[in-house]
């Protein structure tokens, strides 16, 4: 038998899955049985592959969608996953293994926009600033184990920080960080907001 493996994309944004398609052929009838899918994402020349799923063949083909692919750890700018399919054989056909297919996961760019509830304001009046964060891929899970925050600036001066609302969030739905202050001096102010994230699927951004 011959086993071939294809991926739906060679590069995806981190936090998104990839779909793998396996085709098993032979010189005779169409093979039956199942295939296993294995994955490796670090030191694949020396580290063992981990089986991530087994699927049944239908007319010699099978498809499998991976879990969301995690982005790189700093300072890497991408993370490459290697996949391999193994046909497990049956009473009539021997096992065979595909070549490696690589898929690269790159972090999502984000956009941070800051607004105020009052403009202009009076001296000593409380002003609420809202930073809204979106990503280029729409909703994407933000791990609560890698909390993100937004720091607000008046020019070059930090005026406070706030966490992304609701802990674990979806940037694509317009996650927000909110800061209220009554400490603005008189004059015109250039308020900006900077997203700081430890989440490997997303890049920081400044409004």
C-alpha atoms as a PDB file:
ATOM      1  CA  UNK A   1       0.000   0.000   0.000  1.00  0.00           C
ATOM      2  CA  UNK A   2       0.924   3.663  -0.340  1.00  0.00           C
ATOM      3  CA  UNK A   3      -0.171   6.302   2.173  1.00  0.00           C
ATOM      4  CA  UNK A   4      -0.257   9.984   1.250  1.00  0.00           C
ATOM      5  CA  UNK A   5      -0.942  12.879   3.615  1.00  0.00           C
ATOM      6  CA  UNK A   6      -2.051  16.424   2.788  1.00  0.00           C
ATOM      7  CA  UNK A   7      -2.744  19.420   5.055  1.00  0.00           C
ATOM      8  CA  UNK A   8      -5.421  22.040   4.424  1.00  0.00           C
ATOM      9  CA  UNK A   9      -2.765  24.753   4.818  1.00  0.00           C
ATOM     10  CA  UNK A  10       0.994  24.956   5.196  1.00  0.00           C
ATOM     11  CA  UNK A  11       0.729  28.001   7.475  1.00  0.00           C
ATOM     12  CA  UNK A  12      -2.021  28.970   9.915  1.00  0.00           C
ATOM     13  CA  UNK A  13      -2.522  31.587  12.569  1.00  0.00           C
ATOM     14  CA  UNK A  14      -1.868  30.237  16.059  1.00  0.00           C
ATOM     15  CA  UNK A  15      -5.002  29.139  17.838  1.00  0.00           C
ATOM     16  CA  UNK A  16      -6.520  27.630  14.699  1.00  0.00           C
ATOM     17  CA  UNK A  17      -6.641  23.930  13.736  1.00  0.00           C
ATOM     18  CA  UNK A  18      -5.599  22.302  10.487  1.00  0.00           C
ATOM     19  CA  UNK A  19      -7.392  19.508   8.616  1.00  0.00           C
ATOM     20  CA  UNK A  20      -5.332  16.537   7.448  1.00  0.00           C
ATOM     21  CA  UNK A  21      -6.446  14.302   4.575  1.00  0.00           C
ATOM     22  CA  UNK A  22      -5.067  10.766   4.184  1.00  0.00           C
ATOM     23  CA  UNK A  23      -5.291   8.679   1.021  1.00  0.00           C
ATOM     24  CA  UNK A  24      -4.335   4.991   1.016  1.00  0.00           C
ATOM     25  CA  UNK A  25      -3.974   3.205  -2.318  1.00  0.00           C
ATOM     26  CA  UNK A  26      -2.829  -0.160  -3.604  1.00  0.00           C
ATOM     27  CA  UNK A  27      -2.409  -2.004  -6.883  1.00  0.00           C
ATOM     28  CA  UNK A  28      -5.558  -4.003  -6.123  1.00  0.00           C
ATOM     29  CA  UNK A  29      -8.830  -3.053  -4.486  1.00  0.00           C
ATOM     30  CA  UNK A  30      -9.238  -0.004  -2.299  1.00  0.00           C
ATOM     31  CA  UNK A  31      -7.728  -0.746   1.137  1.00  0.00           C
ATOM     32  CA  UNK A  32      -9.972  -0.766   4.187  1.00  0.00           C
ATOM     33  CA  UNK A  33      -9.228  -0.297   7.873  1.00  0.00           C
ATOM     34  CA  UNK A  34      -7.942   2.752   9.683  1.00  0.00           C
ATOM     35  CA  UNK A  35      -5.070   5.208   9.838  1.00  0.00           C
ATOM     36  CA  UNK A  36      -3.368   6.813  12.808  1.00  0.00           C
ATOM     37  CA  UNK A  37      -2.208  10.428  12.814  1.00  0.00           C
ATOM     38  CA  UNK A  38       0.926  11.382  14.734  1.00  0.00           C
ATOM     39  CA  UNK A  39       2.376  14.796  15.543  1.00  0.00           C
ATOM     40  CA  UNK A  40       5.685  16.283  16.624  1.00  0.00           C
ATOM     41  CA  UNK A  41       6.520  19.963  17.152  1.00  0.00           C
ATOM     42  CA  UNK A  42       9.995  19.992  18.680  1.00  0.00           C
ATOM     43  CA  UNK A  43      13.213  18.114  17.876  1.00  0.00           C
ATOM     44  CA  UNK A  44      11.357  15.783  15.537  1.00  0.00           C
ATOM     45  CA  UNK A  45      14.582  14.126  14.350  1.00  0.00           C
ATOM     46  CA  UNK A  46      15.202  12.728  17.812  1.00  0.00           C
ATOM     47  CA  UNK A  47      11.891  12.937  19.687  1.00  0.00           C
ATOM     48  CA  UNK A  48       9.096  10.393  19.243  1.00  0.00           C
ATOM     49  CA  UNK A  49       5.895  11.346  17.476  1.00  0.00           C
ATOM     50  CA  UNK A  50       2.697  11.392  19.543  1.00  0.00           C
ATOM     51  CA  UNK A  51      -0.461   9.784  18.166  1.00  0.00           C
ATOM     52  CA  UNK A  52      -3.236  12.386  18.143  1.00  0.00           C
ATOM     53  CA  UNK A  53      -6.023  10.378  16.527  1.00  0.00           C
ATOM     54  CA  UNK A  54      -7.154   7.307  14.626  1.00  0.00           C
ATOM     55  CA  UNK A  55      -9.755   7.473  11.842  1.00  0.00           C
ATOM     56  CA  UNK A  56     -11.489   4.909   9.628  1.00  0.00           C
ATOM     57  CA  UNK A  57     -10.934   4.870   5.894  1.00  0.00           C
ATOM     58  CA  UNK A  58     -13.925   5.502   3.634  1.00  0.00           C
ATOM     59  CA  UNK A  59     -13.245   4.605   0.002  1.00  0.00           C
ATOM     60  CA  UNK A  60      -9.549   4.778   0.759  1.00  0.00           C
ATOM     61  CA  UNK A  61      -9.620   8.236   2.347  1.00  0.00           C
ATOM     62  CA  UNK A  62      -9.866   9.721   5.826  1.00  0.00           C
ATOM     63  CA  UNK A  63      -9.750  13.226   7.254  1.00  0.00           C
ATOM     64  CA  UNK A  64      -8.775  14.472  10.692  1.00  0.00           C
ATOM     65  CA  UNK A  65      -8.935  17.959  12.215  1.00  0.00           C
ATOM     66  CA  UNK A  66      -6.282  18.732  14.796  1.00  0.00           C
ATOM     67  CA  UNK A  67      -6.674  20.645  18.008  1.00  0.00           C
ATOM     68  CA  UNK A  68      -5.868  24.375  17.731  1.00  0.00           C
ATOM     69  CA  UNK A  69      -2.152  24.788  17.061  1.00  0.00           C
ATOM     70  CA  UNK A  70      -0.319  26.749  19.742  1.00  0.00           C
ATOM     71  CA  UNK A  71       1.922  29.607  18.722  1.00  0.00           C
ATOM     72  CA  UNK A  72       5.636  30.004  19.421  1.00  0.00           C
ATOM     73  CA  UNK A  73       7.346  30.782  22.688  1.00  0.00           C
ATOM     74  CA  UNK A  74       9.300  34.040  22.830  1.00  0.00           C
ATOM     75  CA  UNK A  75      11.586  34.926  21.098  1.00  0.00           C
ATOM     76  CA  UNK A  76      10.601  32.542  18.274  1.00  0.00           C
ATOM     77  CA  UNK A  77       8.393  34.061  15.580  1.00  0.00           C
ATOM     78  CA  UNK A  78       6.769  30.792  14.484  1.00  0.00           C
ATOM     79  CA  UNK A  79       6.282  27.176  15.510  1.00  0.00           C
ATOM     80  CA  UNK A  80       6.420  24.277  13.057  1.00  0.00           C
ATOM     81  CA  UNK A  81       4.414  21.088  13.503  1.00  0.00           C
ATOM     82  CA  UNK A  82       5.217  17.845  11.686  1.00  0.00           C
ATOM     83  CA  UNK A  83       2.460  15.315  10.963  1.00  0.00           C
ATOM     84  CA  UNK A  84       2.630  11.728   9.772  1.00  0.00           C
ATOM     85  CA  UNK A  85      -0.071   9.206   8.850  1.00  0.00           C
ATOM     86  CA  UNK A  86       0.251   5.441   9.249  1.00  0.00           C
ATOM     87  CA  UNK A  87      -2.088   2.991   7.572  1.00  0.00           C
ATOM     88  CA  UNK A  88      -2.571   0.194  10.097  1.00  0.00           C
ATOM     89  CA  UNK A  89      -3.293  -2.505   7.537  1.00  0.00           C
ATOM     90  CA  UNK A  90      -5.915  -5.257   7.494  1.00  0.00           C
ATOM     91  CA  UNK A  91      -6.132  -8.935   6.573  1.00  0.00           C
ATOM     92  CA  UNK A  92      -5.396  -8.167   2.929  1.00  0.00           C
ATOM     93  CA  UNK A  93      -3.143  -5.126   2.989  1.00  0.00           C
ATOM     94  CA  UNK A  94       0.122  -4.323   4.711  1.00  0.00           C
ATOM     95  CA  UNK A  95       0.875  -1.233   6.729  1.00  0.00           C
ATOM     96  CA  UNK A  96       2.407   1.839   5.142  1.00  0.00           C
ATOM     97  CA  UNK A  97       3.465   5.276   6.305  1.00  0.00           C
ATOM     98  CA  UNK A  98       3.247   8.691   4.725  1.00  0.00           C
ATOM     99  CA  UNK A  99       6.001  11.219   4.460  1.00  0.00           C
ATOM    100  CA  UNK A 100       6.083  14.157   6.855  1.00  0.00           C
ATOM    101  CA  UNK A 101       3.843  17.162   6.322  1.00  0.00           C
ATOM    102  CA  UNK A 102       4.821  20.414   8.046  1.00  0.00           C
ATOM    103  CA  UNK A 103       2.460  23.174   9.146  1.00  0.00           C
ATOM    104  CA  UNK A 104       3.719  26.463  10.593  1.00  0.00           C
ATOM    105  CA  UNK A 105       1.750  28.344  13.251  1.00  0.00           C
ATOM    106  CA  UNK A 106       2.391  32.090  13.499  1.00  0.00           C
ATOM    107  CA  UNK A 107       0.997  34.475  16.144  1.00  0.00           C
ATOM    108  CA  UNK A 108      -2.036  36.625  15.440  1.00  0.00           C
ATOM    109  CA  UNK A 109      -1.545  40.337  15.021  1.00  0.00           C
ATOM    110  CA  UNK A 110      -3.833  42.337  17.301  1.00  0.00           C
ATOM    111  CA  UNK A 111      -5.355  45.789  17.137  1.00  0.00           C
ATOM    112  CA  UNK A 112      -5.945  47.937  20.228  1.00  0.00           C
ATOM    113  CA  UNK A 113      -8.280  50.936  20.103  1.00  0.00           C
ATOM    114  CA  UNK A 114      -8.861  53.269  23.072  1.00  0.00           C
ATOM    115  CA  UNK A 115     -11.912  55.482  23.657  1.00  0.00           C
ATOM    116  CA  UNK A 116     -13.088  57.733  26.503  1.00  0.00           C
ATOM    117  CA  UNK A 117     -16.582  58.204  27.888  1.00  0.00           C
ATOM    118  CA  UNK A 118     -16.103  61.978  28.345  1.00  0.00           C
ATOM    119  CA  UNK A 119     -14.357  64.454  26.070  1.00  0.00           C
ATOM    120  CA  UNK A 120     -13.797  67.169  27.112  1.00  0.00           C
ATOM    121  CA  UNK A 121     -13.714  66.652  30.878  1.00  0.00           C
ATOM    122  CA  UNK A 122     -13.409  68.995  33.856  1.00  0.00           C
ATOM    123  CA  UNK A 123     -10.465  69.042  36.263  1.00  0.00           C
ATOM    124  CA  UNK A 124     -10.973  66.289  38.857  1.00  0.00           C
ATOM    125  CA  UNK A 125     -13.779  64.633  36.890  1.00  0.00           C
ATOM    126  CA  UNK A 126     -13.590  60.854  36.555  1.00  0.00           C
ATOM    127  CA  UNK A 127     -12.904  59.728  32.996  1.00  0.00           C
ATOM    128  CA  UNK A 128     -13.260  56.101  31.911  1.00  0.00           C
ATOM    129  CA  UNK A 129     -10.979  54.829  29.155  1.00  0.00           C
ATOM    130  CA  UNK A 130     -11.878  51.631  27.326  1.00  0.00           C
ATOM    131  CA  UNK A 131      -9.322  49.702  25.282  1.00  0.00           C
ATOM    132  CA  UNK A 132     -10.875  47.284  22.797  1.00  0.00           C
ATOM    133  CA  UNK A 133      -8.663  44.485  21.476  1.00  0.00           C
ATOM    134  CA  UNK A 134      -9.367  42.486  18.332  1.00  0.00           C
ATOM    135  CA  UNK A 135      -7.332  39.961  16.344  1.00  0.00           C
ATOM    136  CA  UNK A 136      -7.038  39.273  12.639  1.00  0.00           C
ATOM    137  CA  UNK A 137      -8.606  35.811  12.884  1.00  0.00           C
ATOM    138  CA  UNK A 138     -11.718  36.608  14.871  1.00  0.00           C
ATOM    139  CA  UNK A 139     -12.455  34.641  18.050  1.00  0.00           C
ATOM    140  CA  UNK A 140      -9.460  32.892  19.534  1.00  0.00           C
ATOM    141  CA  UNK A 141      -9.133  31.461  23.021  1.00  0.00           C
ATOM    142  CA  UNK A 142      -6.989  33.373  25.483  1.00  0.00           C
ATOM    143  CA  UNK A 143      -5.609  31.138  28.206  1.00  0.00           C
ATOM    144  CA  UNK A 144      -6.290  32.239  31.773  1.00  0.00           C
ATOM    145  CA  UNK A 145      -2.894  30.742  32.672  1.00  0.00           C
ATOM    146  CA  UNK A 146      -1.213  33.427  30.532  1.00  0.00           C
ATOM    147  CA  UNK A 147      -3.145  36.534  31.553  1.00  0.00           C
ATOM    148  CA  UNK A 148      -3.103  39.595  29.331  1.00  0.00           C
ATOM    149  CA  UNK A 149      -3.367  43.227  30.379  1.00  0.00           C
ATOM    150  CA  UNK A 150      -3.550  46.704  28.895  1.00  0.00           C
ATOM    151  CA  UNK A 151      -1.424  49.635  30.096  1.00  0.00           C
ATOM    152  CA  UNK A 152      -2.782  53.145  29.551  1.00  0.00           C
ATOM    153  CA  UNK A 153      -0.507  56.115  28.879  1.00  0.00           C
ATOM    154  CA  UNK A 154      -0.913  59.875  28.904  1.00  0.00           C
ATOM    155  CA  UNK A 155       1.860  60.738  26.497  1.00  0.00           C
ATOM    156  CA  UNK A 156       4.862  58.873  27.896  1.00  0.00           C
ATOM    157  CA  UNK A 157       3.446  58.681  31.441  1.00  0.00           C
ATOM    158  CA  UNK A 158       1.717  55.525  32.657  1.00  0.00           C
ATOM    159  CA  UNK A 159      -1.663  56.292  34.200  1.00  0.00           C
ATOM    160  CA  UNK A 160      -2.686  52.728  35.035  1.00  0.00           C
ATOM    161  CA  UNK A 161      -3.233  49.157  33.876  1.00  0.00           C
ATOM    162  CA  UNK A 162      -6.251  46.889  33.598  1.00  0.00           C
ATOM    163  CA  UNK A 163      -6.775  43.227  32.834  1.00  0.00           C
ATOM    164  CA  UNK A 164      -8.645  41.990  29.788  1.00  0.00           C
ATOM    165  CA  UNK A 165     -12.240  41.594  30.963  1.00  0.00           C
ATOM    166  CA  UNK A 166     -13.650  38.254  32.102  1.00  0.00           C
ATOM    167  CA  UNK A 167     -10.318  36.427  32.437  1.00  0.00           C
ATOM    168  CA  UNK A 168     -10.268  33.883  29.610  1.00  0.00           C
ATOM    169  CA  UNK A 169     -11.633  35.648  26.557  1.00  0.00           C
ATOM    170  CA  UNK A 170     -12.062  35.746  22.819  1.00  0.00           C
ATOM    171  CA  UNK A 171     -10.168  38.638  21.272  1.00  0.00           C
ATOM    172  CA  UNK A 172     -12.267  38.421  18.159  1.00  0.00           C
ATOM    173  CA  UNK A 173     -15.416  39.365  20.038  1.00  0.00           C
ATOM    174  CA  UNK A 174     -13.866  42.687  21.061  1.00  0.00           C
ATOM    175  CA  UNK A 175     -12.374  42.080  24.487  1.00  0.00           C
ATOM    176  CA  UNK A 176     -11.967  45.170  26.610  1.00  0.00           C
ATOM    177  CA  UNK A 177      -9.850  46.586  29.400  1.00  0.00           C
ATOM    178  CA  UNK A 178     -11.296  49.512  31.366  1.00  0.00           C
ATOM    179  CA  UNK A 179      -9.525  52.151  33.439  1.00  0.00           C
ATOM    180  CA  UNK A 180     -11.135  55.063  35.311  1.00  0.00           C
ATOM    181  CA  UNK A 181      -9.097  58.011  36.579  1.00  0.00           C
ATOM    182  CA  UNK A 182      -9.786  61.467  38.018  1.00  0.00           C
ATOM    183  CA  UNK A 183      -6.111  62.447  38.040  1.00  0.00           C
ATOM    184  CA  UNK A 184      -5.802  64.093  34.632  1.00  0.00           C
ATOM    185  CA  UNK A 185      -4.292  67.591  34.820  1.00  0.00           C
ATOM    186  CA  UNK A 186      -5.615  70.472  32.757  1.00  0.00           C
ATOM    187  CA  UNK A 187      -4.699  70.555  29.089  1.00  0.00           C
ATOM    188  CA  UNK A 188      -4.887  68.302  26.046  1.00  0.00           C
ATOM    189  CA  UNK A 189      -3.886  64.686  26.555  1.00  0.00           C
ATOM    190  CA  UNK A 190      -2.665  61.995  24.162  1.00  0.00           C
ATOM    191  CA  UNK A 191      -4.085  58.788  25.660  1.00  0.00           C
ATOM    192  CA  UNK A 192      -2.833  55.485  24.275  1.00  0.00           C
ATOM    193  CA  UNK A 193      -3.248  51.865  25.319  1.00  0.00           C
ATOM    194  CA  UNK A 194      -0.752  49.025  24.945  1.00  0.00           C
ATOM    195  CA  UNK A 195      -1.730  45.350  24.996  1.00  0.00           C
ATOM    196  CA  UNK A 196       0.765  43.197  26.898  1.00  0.00           C
ATOM    197  CA  UNK A 197       0.216  39.461  26.511  1.00  0.00           C
ATOM    198  CA  UNK A 198       1.988  36.284  27.588  1.00  0.00           C
ATOM    199  CA  UNK A 199      -0.288  34.263  25.327  1.00  0.00           C
ATOM    200  CA  UNK A 200       1.823  32.665  22.526  1.00  0.00           C
ATOM    201  CA  UNK A 201      -1.032  32.904  20.021  1.00  0.00           C
ATOM    202  CA  UNK A 202      -1.127  36.721  19.985  1.00  0.00           C
ATOM    203  CA  UNK A 203       1.217  39.641  19.448  1.00  0.00           C
ATOM    204  CA  UNK A 204       1.121  42.851  21.546  1.00  0.00           C
ATOM    205  CA  UNK A 205      -0.206  46.053  20.019  1.00  0.00           C
ATOM    206  CA  UNK A 206      -0.533  49.749  20.843  1.00  0.00           C
ATOM    207  CA  UNK A 207      -3.401  52.059  19.952  1.00  0.00           C
END
